[in-house]
Amino acid sequence: MSEPITIRLLSAQEAGEQIEALSAVLIDCVEGGASVSFMSPLTRERADAFWQGVAEGVARGERILLVAQEASGGIVGTVQVVLKQPENQPHRADIAKMLVHGQARKRGIGAALMRAAEDAARAAGKTVLVLDTVTGGDAERLYERIGWTRSGVIPNYALWPKGGFCDTTVFYKQLSAG
C-alpha cells in the first residue's frame, strides 16, 4: 500500500534543504526518458545546480515551488509556478518542471500537483497559465483531462534526453478568480 501524499509549498530555505531529494526526482525523470530540458546522463552536480537556481528564484519571489511528499517525508513529485514575466504580462505565469518519480506514478500525484499549482497561481493574482509538454506523452493526456486547452504543436521543439527530436504541445488555462 502506498503512503498518503501531501502537496505543499517550499520556502526558499526548505528548497535549499531539499536539493538532494529534488535532484533525485529530476534525475529519475530524465534517466526515464522525460524531455525536461536536460540530456542524459544527468549528473548530480548539474541537477543540484538547477535546484539551487530554483531555490534562489523562490527567494527572489520569481517562482513558487510545490512538492508532493509522502508521510515518511520523501519527495516524490514537484512543480513550479514561474511568476516572473515580462512587464506586459503581469497576469500570466508559466508552469514548469512538473515531475513525478517513476515509482510514484499512477497515483494521481501529477493531477494533485497541477491543482495546487493552479491554486497558488490564482492566489498570486495570475489569471492565465501556460505550459509545454512532449507531444503524445502521459503529461499531455493529464493536462487535457484536467481542463487545460491545447494551443498547438511545435515540431522538433526539443531533444529527448538520449538524443533525437521530439515535438512539443503548448497548453494554456484561464483561471477564474478565487
N, C-alpha and C. Protein backbone atom coordinates (compact mmCIF):
# COMPACT_ATOMS: atom_id res chain seq x y z
N MET A 1 0.84 -1.19 0.00
CA MET A 1 0.00 0.00 0.00
C MET A 1 0.88 1.25 0.00
N SER A 2 0.52 2.24 -0.80
CA SER A 2 1.32 3.45 -0.89
C SER A 2 0.98 4.42 0.23
N GLU A 3 1.96 5.23 0.56
CA GLU A 3 1.80 6.22 1.63
C GLU A 3 0.90 7.37 1.16
N PRO A 4 0.22 8.02 2.12
CA PRO A 4 -0.54 9.22 1.76
C PRO A 4 0.43 10.32 1.27
N ILE A 5 -0.08 11.15 0.38
CA ILE A 5 0.73 12.22 -0.21
C ILE A 5 0.17 13.57 0.24
N THR A 6 1.08 14.47 0.57
CA THR A 6 0.74 15.85 0.89
C THR A 6 1.40 16.74 -0.15
N ILE A 7 0.66 17.71 -0.66
CA ILE A 7 1.20 18.70 -1.58
C ILE A 7 1.42 19.97 -0.77
N ARG A 8 2.64 20.51 -0.84
CA ARG A 8 2.91 21.73 -0.08
C ARG A 8 3.92 22.63 -0.78
N LEU A 9 3.87 23.91 -0.46
CA LEU A 9 4.83 24.88 -0.96
C LEU A 9 6.11 24.77 -0.15
N LEU A 10 7.24 24.94 -0.83
CA LEU A 10 8.52 25.00 -0.13
C LEU A 10 8.99 26.45 -0.09
N SER A 11 9.45 26.87 1.06
CA SER A 11 10.11 28.17 1.17
C SER A 11 11.48 28.06 0.49
N ALA A 12 12.13 29.18 0.30
CA ALA A 12 13.47 29.17 -0.29
C ALA A 12 14.42 28.35 0.58
N GLN A 13 14.32 28.51 1.88
CA GLN A 13 15.19 27.75 2.79
C GLN A 13 14.92 26.26 2.68
N GLU A 14 13.64 25.89 2.67
CA GLU A 14 13.29 24.46 2.53
C GLU A 14 13.75 23.91 1.19
N ALA A 15 13.62 24.71 0.13
CA ALA A 15 14.08 24.27 -1.18
C ALA A 15 15.58 23.98 -1.14
N GLY A 16 16.32 24.87 -0.51
CA GLY A 16 17.76 24.66 -0.37
C GLY A 16 18.08 23.40 0.42
N GLU A 17 17.27 23.11 1.42
CA GLU A 17 17.48 21.93 2.26
C GLU A 17 17.07 20.64 1.55
N GLN A 18 16.21 20.75 0.54
CA GLN A 18 15.68 19.58 -0.15
C GLN A 18 16.31 19.34 -1.52
N ILE A 19 17.42 19.98 -1.81
CA ILE A 19 18.03 19.85 -3.14
C ILE A 19 18.33 18.40 -3.47
N GLU A 20 18.85 17.64 -2.53
CA GLU A 20 19.18 16.24 -2.82
C GLU A 20 17.94 15.45 -3.24
N ALA A 21 16.84 15.63 -2.52
CA ALA A 21 15.60 14.91 -2.84
C ALA A 21 15.01 15.40 -4.16
N LEU A 22 15.04 16.70 -4.40
CA LEU A 22 14.53 17.24 -5.67
C LEU A 22 15.38 16.75 -6.84
N SER A 23 16.69 16.71 -6.65
CA SER A 23 17.57 16.21 -7.70
C SER A 23 17.29 14.75 -8.00
N ALA A 24 17.00 13.96 -6.98
CA ALA A 24 16.70 12.54 -7.20
C ALA A 24 15.48 12.37 -8.09
N VAL A 25 14.47 13.20 -7.89
CA VAL A 25 13.26 13.13 -8.74
C VAL A 25 13.61 13.54 -10.17
N LEU A 26 14.34 14.64 -10.32
CA LEU A 26 14.71 15.12 -11.64
C LEU A 26 15.56 14.09 -12.39
N ILE A 27 16.55 13.54 -11.73
CA ILE A 27 17.42 12.55 -12.37
C ILE A 27 16.61 11.32 -12.78
N ASP A 28 15.72 10.85 -11.90
CA ASP A 28 14.88 9.70 -12.24
C ASP A 28 14.06 9.98 -13.49
N CYS A 29 13.48 11.17 -13.58
CA CYS A 29 12.65 11.50 -14.75
C CYS A 29 13.47 11.58 -16.02
N VAL A 30 14.62 12.26 -15.96
CA VAL A 30 15.47 12.39 -17.15
C VAL A 30 15.99 11.02 -17.59
N GLU A 31 16.48 10.24 -16.64
CA GLU A 31 17.00 8.92 -17.00
C GLU A 31 15.88 7.98 -17.44
N GLY A 32 14.64 8.30 -17.06
CA GLY A 32 13.48 7.53 -17.53
C GLY A 32 12.98 7.97 -18.89
N GLY A 33 13.64 8.99 -19.47
CA GLY A 33 13.30 9.41 -20.83
C GLY A 33 12.52 10.70 -20.95
N ALA A 34 12.27 11.41 -19.84
CA ALA A 34 11.50 12.65 -19.91
C ALA A 34 12.32 13.78 -20.53
N SER A 35 11.72 14.46 -21.50
CA SER A 35 12.36 15.61 -22.12
C SER A 35 11.99 16.85 -21.31
N VAL A 36 12.83 17.15 -20.31
CA VAL A 36 12.56 18.27 -19.40
C VAL A 36 13.78 19.18 -19.27
N SER A 37 14.39 19.50 -20.42
CA SER A 37 15.50 20.45 -20.54
C SER A 37 16.88 19.87 -20.32
N PHE A 38 17.01 18.61 -19.93
CA PHE A 38 18.31 18.05 -19.62
C PHE A 38 18.60 16.84 -20.50
N MET A 39 19.88 16.65 -20.78
CA MET A 39 20.32 15.49 -21.55
C MET A 39 20.85 14.43 -20.59
N SER A 40 20.79 13.18 -21.04
CA SER A 40 21.26 12.05 -20.26
C SER A 40 22.71 11.75 -20.65
N PRO A 41 23.54 11.38 -19.69
CA PRO A 41 23.22 11.22 -18.27
C PRO A 41 23.22 12.57 -17.55
N LEU A 42 22.27 12.75 -16.67
CA LEU A 42 22.18 13.95 -15.86
C LEU A 42 22.96 13.70 -14.57
N THR A 43 24.02 14.46 -14.37
CA THR A 43 24.83 14.29 -13.17
C THR A 43 24.16 14.94 -11.96
N ARG A 44 24.51 14.46 -10.80
CA ARG A 44 24.00 15.04 -9.55
C ARG A 44 24.41 16.51 -9.46
N GLU A 45 25.60 16.85 -9.91
CA GLU A 45 26.08 18.24 -9.84
C GLU A 45 25.21 19.17 -10.69
N ARG A 46 24.87 18.73 -11.92
CA ARG A 46 24.02 19.57 -12.77
C ARG A 46 22.62 19.69 -12.19
N ALA A 47 22.09 18.58 -11.68
CA ALA A 47 20.76 18.61 -11.08
C ALA A 47 20.75 19.51 -9.84
N ASP A 48 21.75 19.36 -8.98
CA ASP A 48 21.83 20.20 -7.78
C ASP A 48 21.93 21.67 -8.14
N ALA A 49 22.73 22.00 -9.16
CA ALA A 49 22.88 23.39 -9.58
C ALA A 49 21.54 23.95 -10.08
N PHE A 50 20.80 23.13 -10.81
CA PHE A 50 19.48 23.56 -11.27
C PHE A 50 18.59 23.90 -10.08
N TRP A 51 18.51 22.99 -9.10
CA TRP A 51 17.63 23.23 -7.95
C TRP A 51 18.12 24.37 -7.08
N GLN A 52 19.42 24.60 -7.03
CA GLN A 52 19.94 25.76 -6.30
C GLN A 52 19.42 27.04 -6.95
N GLY A 53 19.42 27.07 -8.28
CA GLY A 53 18.88 28.22 -9.00
C GLY A 53 17.39 28.40 -8.76
N VAL A 54 16.66 27.28 -8.68
CA VAL A 54 15.23 27.36 -8.36
C VAL A 54 15.03 27.94 -6.97
N ALA A 55 15.81 27.46 -6.00
CA ALA A 55 15.70 27.97 -4.62
C ALA A 55 15.97 29.47 -4.59
N GLU A 56 16.94 29.92 -5.37
CA GLU A 56 17.25 31.36 -5.43
C GLU A 56 16.09 32.13 -6.06
N GLY A 57 15.44 31.55 -7.08
CA GLY A 57 14.27 32.16 -7.70
C GLY A 57 13.10 32.26 -6.72
N VAL A 58 12.93 31.23 -5.89
CA VAL A 58 11.89 31.27 -4.85
C VAL A 58 12.20 32.40 -3.88
N ALA A 59 13.47 32.52 -3.48
CA ALA A 59 13.87 33.57 -2.53
C ALA A 59 13.60 34.96 -3.09
N ARG A 60 13.76 35.13 -4.40
CA ARG A 60 13.52 36.43 -5.04
C ARG A 60 12.03 36.68 -5.33
N GLY A 61 11.19 35.69 -5.07
CA GLY A 61 9.76 35.84 -5.35
C GLY A 61 9.41 35.66 -6.81
N GLU A 62 10.31 35.07 -7.59
CA GLU A 62 10.10 34.88 -9.02
C GLU A 62 9.37 33.59 -9.36
N ARG A 63 9.34 32.66 -8.41
CA ARG A 63 8.68 31.38 -8.66
C ARG A 63 8.18 30.77 -7.37
N ILE A 64 7.22 29.88 -7.53
CA ILE A 64 6.66 29.10 -6.43
C ILE A 64 7.07 27.66 -6.67
N LEU A 65 7.52 26.99 -5.63
CA LEU A 65 7.93 25.59 -5.73
C LEU A 65 7.02 24.75 -4.84
N LEU A 66 6.36 23.79 -5.47
CA LEU A 66 5.49 22.86 -4.74
C LEU A 66 6.07 21.46 -4.84
N VAL A 67 5.85 20.68 -3.79
CA VAL A 67 6.30 19.29 -3.80
C VAL A 67 5.17 18.37 -3.37
N ALA A 68 5.26 17.13 -3.84
CA ALA A 68 4.41 16.04 -3.37
C ALA A 68 5.29 15.22 -2.43
N GLN A 69 4.84 15.10 -1.19
CA GLN A 69 5.65 14.46 -0.17
C GLN A 69 4.89 13.33 0.48
N GLU A 70 5.55 12.19 0.64
CA GLU A 70 4.95 11.06 1.33
C GLU A 70 4.97 11.32 2.83
N ALA A 71 4.13 10.60 3.56
CA ALA A 71 4.05 10.77 5.01
C ALA A 71 5.41 10.57 5.68
N SER A 72 6.25 9.73 5.10
CA SER A 72 7.58 9.48 5.66
C SER A 72 8.54 10.64 5.39
N GLY A 73 8.11 11.60 4.57
CA GLY A 73 8.94 12.76 4.29
C GLY A 73 9.59 12.77 2.93
N GLY A 74 9.53 11.65 2.21
CA GLY A 74 10.17 11.57 0.90
C GLY A 74 9.44 12.37 -0.16
N ILE A 75 10.18 13.14 -0.94
CA ILE A 75 9.61 13.91 -2.05
C ILE A 75 9.51 13.02 -3.26
N VAL A 76 8.30 12.91 -3.82
CA VAL A 76 8.07 12.05 -4.98
C VAL A 76 7.60 12.83 -6.21
N GLY A 77 7.42 14.13 -6.08
CA GLY A 77 6.99 14.94 -7.21
C GLY A 77 7.17 16.41 -6.93
N THR A 78 7.13 17.20 -7.99
CA THR A 78 7.32 18.64 -7.85
C THR A 78 6.76 19.37 -9.07
N VAL A 79 6.44 20.63 -8.87
CA VAL A 79 6.04 21.51 -9.97
C VAL A 79 6.37 22.94 -9.55
N GLN A 80 6.60 23.79 -10.55
CA GLN A 80 6.90 25.19 -10.28
C GLN A 80 5.90 26.09 -11.00
N VAL A 81 5.61 27.21 -10.37
CA VAL A 81 4.84 28.28 -11.00
C VAL A 81 5.82 29.44 -11.17
N VAL A 82 6.13 29.76 -12.41
CA VAL A 82 7.08 30.84 -12.70
C VAL A 82 6.29 32.14 -12.78
N LEU A 83 6.45 32.95 -11.75
CA LEU A 83 5.69 34.19 -11.62
C LEU A 83 6.30 35.33 -12.44
N LYS A 84 7.62 35.38 -12.51
CA LYS A 84 8.30 36.49 -13.18
C LYS A 84 8.06 36.41 -14.68
N GLN A 85 7.43 37.45 -15.21
CA GLN A 85 7.08 37.53 -16.63
C GLN A 85 7.42 38.93 -17.13
N PRO A 86 7.41 39.14 -18.44
CA PRO A 86 7.63 40.49 -18.96
C PRO A 86 6.59 41.47 -18.40
N GLU A 87 6.93 42.73 -18.38
CA GLU A 87 6.07 43.73 -17.74
C GLU A 87 4.68 43.84 -18.37
N ASN A 88 4.52 43.43 -19.63
CA ASN A 88 3.20 43.50 -20.25
C ASN A 88 2.39 42.22 -20.02
N GLN A 89 2.90 41.32 -19.16
CA GLN A 89 2.19 40.07 -18.87
C GLN A 89 2.13 39.80 -17.36
N PRO A 90 1.76 40.80 -16.56
CA PRO A 90 1.75 40.59 -15.11
C PRO A 90 0.67 39.61 -14.64
N HIS A 91 -0.27 39.32 -15.51
CA HIS A 91 -1.38 38.43 -15.19
C HIS A 91 -1.09 36.97 -15.50
N ARG A 92 0.07 36.68 -16.09
CA ARG A 92 0.40 35.34 -16.60
C ARG A 92 1.50 34.69 -15.77
N ALA A 93 1.48 33.36 -15.74
CA ALA A 93 2.56 32.57 -15.14
C ALA A 93 2.78 31.33 -16.00
N ASP A 94 3.96 30.78 -15.90
CA ASP A 94 4.29 29.54 -16.60
C ASP A 94 4.34 28.40 -15.58
N ILE A 95 3.91 27.24 -16.00
CA ILE A 95 4.06 26.03 -15.20
C ILE A 95 5.32 25.34 -15.73
N ALA A 96 6.21 24.95 -14.82
CA ALA A 96 7.47 24.35 -15.24
C ALA A 96 7.82 23.13 -14.40
N LYS A 97 8.50 22.21 -15.02
CA LYS A 97 9.07 21.03 -14.37
C LYS A 97 8.08 20.30 -13.48
N MET A 98 6.93 19.93 -14.06
CA MET A 98 6.00 19.06 -13.33
C MET A 98 6.57 17.65 -13.46
N LEU A 99 7.11 17.15 -12.36
CA LEU A 99 7.83 15.89 -12.34
C LEU A 99 7.28 14.97 -11.27
N VAL A 100 7.09 13.70 -11.62
CA VAL A 100 6.70 12.69 -10.64
C VAL A 100 7.67 11.52 -10.79
N HIS A 101 8.25 11.12 -9.68
CA HIS A 101 9.19 9.99 -9.69
C HIS A 101 8.51 8.77 -10.29
N GLY A 102 9.26 8.01 -11.07
CA GLY A 102 8.71 6.85 -11.78
C GLY A 102 8.02 5.86 -10.86
N GLN A 103 8.52 5.67 -9.65
CA GLN A 103 7.92 4.71 -8.73
C GLN A 103 6.64 5.23 -8.07
N ALA A 104 6.33 6.51 -8.27
CA ALA A 104 5.15 7.10 -7.62
C ALA A 104 4.04 7.43 -8.61
N ARG A 105 4.20 7.05 -9.85
CA ARG A 105 3.20 7.40 -10.88
C ARG A 105 1.95 6.54 -10.75
N LYS A 106 0.91 7.01 -11.43
CA LYS A 106 -0.40 6.33 -11.47
C LYS A 106 -1.10 6.38 -10.11
N ARG A 107 -0.82 7.43 -9.32
CA ARG A 107 -1.46 7.61 -8.01
C ARG A 107 -2.18 8.95 -7.90
N GLY A 108 -2.27 9.68 -9.02
CA GLY A 108 -2.95 10.98 -9.00
C GLY A 108 -2.08 12.12 -8.54
N ILE A 109 -0.78 11.88 -8.40
CA ILE A 109 0.11 12.91 -7.87
C ILE A 109 0.26 14.06 -8.86
N GLY A 110 0.39 13.75 -10.14
CA GLY A 110 0.52 14.81 -11.14
C GLY A 110 -0.69 15.73 -11.14
N ALA A 111 -1.88 15.16 -11.08
CA ALA A 111 -3.11 15.98 -11.06
C ALA A 111 -3.17 16.81 -9.78
N ALA A 112 -2.78 16.23 -8.65
CA ALA A 112 -2.79 16.97 -7.38
C ALA A 112 -1.79 18.12 -7.41
N LEU A 113 -0.61 17.88 -7.98
CA LEU A 113 0.38 18.95 -8.11
C LEU A 113 -0.15 20.07 -9.00
N MET A 114 -0.80 19.71 -10.10
CA MET A 114 -1.32 20.73 -11.01
C MET A 114 -2.44 21.54 -10.36
N ARG A 115 -3.34 20.89 -9.63
CA ARG A 115 -4.39 21.65 -8.93
C ARG A 115 -3.78 22.62 -7.93
N ALA A 116 -2.76 22.17 -7.20
CA ALA A 116 -2.09 23.04 -6.23
C ALA A 116 -1.37 24.19 -6.93
N ALA A 117 -0.77 23.91 -8.08
CA ALA A 117 -0.09 24.97 -8.85
C ALA A 117 -1.10 26.01 -9.33
N GLU A 118 -2.24 25.55 -9.82
CA GLU A 118 -3.28 26.47 -10.25
C GLU A 118 -3.76 27.33 -9.08
N ASP A 119 -3.97 26.71 -7.93
CA ASP A 119 -4.41 27.45 -6.74
C ASP A 119 -3.36 28.48 -6.32
N ALA A 120 -2.08 28.09 -6.34
CA ALA A 120 -1.01 29.00 -5.95
C ALA A 120 -0.91 30.16 -6.93
N ALA A 121 -1.07 29.89 -8.22
CA ALA A 121 -1.03 30.95 -9.22
C ALA A 121 -2.20 31.91 -9.02
N ARG A 122 -3.37 31.35 -8.78
CA ARG A 122 -4.55 32.18 -8.53
C ARG A 122 -4.33 33.07 -7.30
N ALA A 123 -3.78 32.50 -6.24
CA ALA A 123 -3.51 33.27 -5.01
C ALA A 123 -2.48 34.37 -5.26
N ALA A 124 -1.61 34.17 -6.25
CA ALA A 124 -0.61 35.18 -6.61
C ALA A 124 -1.17 36.20 -7.60
N GLY A 125 -2.46 36.11 -7.91
CA GLY A 125 -3.10 37.07 -8.80
C GLY A 125 -2.96 36.77 -10.28
N LYS A 126 -2.57 35.55 -10.62
CA LYS A 126 -2.42 35.18 -12.03
C LYS A 126 -3.74 34.67 -12.59
N THR A 127 -4.01 34.99 -13.85
CA THR A 127 -5.27 34.57 -14.48
C THR A 127 -5.07 33.73 -15.74
N VAL A 128 -3.83 33.67 -16.24
CA VAL A 128 -3.52 32.85 -17.40
C VAL A 128 -2.26 32.04 -17.09
N LEU A 129 -2.35 30.73 -17.31
CA LEU A 129 -1.20 29.85 -17.14
C LEU A 129 -0.85 29.23 -18.48
N VAL A 130 0.45 29.00 -18.69
CA VAL A 130 0.95 28.41 -19.93
C VAL A 130 1.95 27.32 -19.56
N LEU A 131 1.96 26.25 -20.37
CA LEU A 131 2.97 25.20 -20.19
C LEU A 131 3.21 24.52 -21.52
N ASP A 132 4.31 23.78 -21.60
CA ASP A 132 4.54 22.94 -22.77
C ASP A 132 4.97 21.56 -22.29
N THR A 133 4.69 20.56 -23.12
CA THR A 133 5.00 19.18 -22.79
C THR A 133 5.23 18.37 -24.06
N VAL A 134 5.90 17.25 -23.91
CA VAL A 134 6.16 16.37 -25.05
C VAL A 134 4.83 15.89 -25.63
N THR A 135 4.71 16.01 -26.93
CA THR A 135 3.51 15.55 -27.63
C THR A 135 3.39 14.03 -27.53
N GLY A 136 2.19 13.58 -27.15
CA GLY A 136 1.92 12.14 -27.08
C GLY A 136 2.29 11.48 -25.76
N GLY A 137 2.81 12.24 -24.81
CA GLY A 137 3.23 11.66 -23.54
C GLY A 137 2.11 11.61 -22.52
N ASP A 138 2.40 10.98 -21.39
CA ASP A 138 1.43 10.87 -20.29
C ASP A 138 1.01 12.24 -19.79
N ALA A 139 1.95 13.18 -19.71
CA ALA A 139 1.62 14.51 -19.20
C ALA A 139 0.62 15.21 -20.11
N GLU A 140 0.76 15.03 -21.42
CA GLU A 140 -0.19 15.65 -22.35
C GLU A 140 -1.61 15.16 -22.06
N ARG A 141 -1.76 13.88 -21.85
CA ARG A 141 -3.09 13.33 -21.54
C ARG A 141 -3.59 13.86 -20.20
N LEU A 142 -2.71 14.00 -19.23
CA LEU A 142 -3.09 14.55 -17.92
C LEU A 142 -3.62 15.98 -18.08
N TYR A 143 -2.89 16.82 -18.78
CA TYR A 143 -3.31 18.22 -18.92
C TYR A 143 -4.67 18.33 -19.61
N GLU A 144 -4.90 17.52 -20.62
CA GLU A 144 -6.21 17.53 -21.28
C GLU A 144 -7.30 17.09 -20.31
N ARG A 145 -7.02 16.06 -19.52
CA ARG A 145 -8.01 15.51 -18.59
C ARG A 145 -8.39 16.52 -17.50
N ILE A 146 -7.44 17.38 -17.10
CA ILE A 146 -7.74 18.32 -16.02
C ILE A 146 -8.12 19.72 -16.53
N GLY A 147 -8.48 19.80 -17.81
CA GLY A 147 -9.11 21.01 -18.31
C GLY A 147 -8.22 22.05 -18.95
N TRP A 148 -7.00 21.69 -19.29
CA TRP A 148 -6.14 22.63 -20.00
C TRP A 148 -6.50 22.62 -21.48
N THR A 149 -6.27 23.74 -22.17
CA THR A 149 -6.60 23.88 -23.58
C THR A 149 -5.33 23.78 -24.42
N ARG A 150 -5.37 22.90 -25.41
CA ARG A 150 -4.24 22.73 -26.32
C ARG A 150 -4.19 23.93 -27.26
N SER A 151 -3.03 24.55 -27.34
CA SER A 151 -2.85 25.69 -28.23
C SER A 151 -2.28 25.25 -29.57
N GLY A 152 -1.36 24.28 -29.54
CA GLY A 152 -0.77 23.80 -30.78
C GLY A 152 0.45 22.95 -30.52
N VAL A 153 0.99 22.40 -31.61
CA VAL A 153 2.17 21.54 -31.55
C VAL A 153 3.31 22.20 -32.30
N ILE A 154 4.48 22.18 -31.70
CA ILE A 154 5.68 22.69 -32.35
C ILE A 154 6.56 21.49 -32.69
N PRO A 155 6.75 21.21 -33.99
CA PRO A 155 7.58 20.06 -34.36
C PRO A 155 9.05 20.29 -34.00
N ASN A 156 9.73 19.22 -33.63
CA ASN A 156 11.18 19.25 -33.38
C ASN A 156 11.58 20.34 -32.39
N TYR A 157 10.77 20.55 -31.37
CA TYR A 157 10.99 21.64 -30.41
C TYR A 157 12.19 21.39 -29.52
N ALA A 158 12.38 20.13 -29.11
CA ALA A 158 13.44 19.81 -28.16
C ALA A 158 14.03 18.44 -28.51
N LEU A 159 14.98 18.03 -27.70
CA LEU A 159 15.58 16.72 -27.86
C LEU A 159 15.16 15.81 -26.72
N TRP A 160 15.05 14.53 -27.03
CA TRP A 160 14.90 13.53 -25.98
C TRP A 160 16.21 13.48 -25.20
N PRO A 161 16.19 13.03 -23.95
CA PRO A 161 17.42 13.01 -23.15
C PRO A 161 18.58 12.23 -23.78
N LYS A 162 18.27 11.24 -24.59
CA LYS A 162 19.33 10.46 -25.22
C LYS A 162 19.50 10.81 -26.70
N GLY A 163 18.88 11.93 -27.11
CA GLY A 163 19.03 12.40 -28.48
C GLY A 163 17.79 12.13 -29.32
N GLY A 164 17.69 12.83 -30.43
CA GLY A 164 16.55 12.72 -31.32
C GLY A 164 15.49 13.76 -30.97
N PHE A 165 14.91 14.35 -32.00
CA PHE A 165 13.93 15.40 -31.80
C PHE A 165 12.60 14.88 -31.26
N CYS A 166 11.94 15.73 -30.47
CA CYS A 166 10.57 15.45 -30.05
C CYS A 166 9.73 16.70 -30.25
N ASP A 167 8.46 16.47 -30.56
CA ASP A 167 7.51 17.56 -30.72
C ASP A 167 7.02 17.99 -29.34
N THR A 168 6.56 19.23 -29.26
CA THR A 168 6.05 19.78 -28.01
C THR A 168 4.66 20.36 -28.23
N THR A 169 3.77 20.07 -27.29
CA THR A 169 2.43 20.63 -27.31
C THR A 169 2.36 21.76 -26.28
N VAL A 170 1.82 22.89 -26.70
CA VAL A 170 1.67 24.04 -25.81
C VAL A 170 0.22 24.07 -25.32
N PHE A 171 0.05 24.28 -24.03
CA PHE A 171 -1.26 24.35 -23.40
C PHE A 171 -1.39 25.67 -22.63
N TYR A 172 -2.64 26.08 -22.42
CA TYR A 172 -2.91 27.22 -21.54
C TYR A 172 -4.17 26.93 -20.73
N LYS A 173 -4.31 27.69 -19.66
CA LYS A 173 -5.52 27.60 -18.85
C LYS A 173 -5.87 28.97 -18.33
N GLN A 174 -7.13 29.37 -18.53
CA GLN A 174 -7.65 30.62 -17.97
C GLN A 174 -8.15 30.29 -16.56
N LEU A 175 -7.66 31.04 -15.58
CA LEU A 175 -8.08 30.83 -14.20
C LEU A 175 -9.18 31.82 -13.83
N SER A 176 -10.17 31.31 -13.13
CA SER A 176 -11.20 32.21 -12.61
C SER A 176 -10.76 32.73 -11.26
N ALA A 177 -11.32 33.83 -10.84
CA ALA A 177 -10.97 34.41 -9.54
C ALA A 177 -11.41 33.48 -8.42
N GLY A 178 -10.56 33.45 -7.37
CA GLY A 178 -10.77 32.75 -6.11
C GLY A 178 -11.71 31.66 -6.09
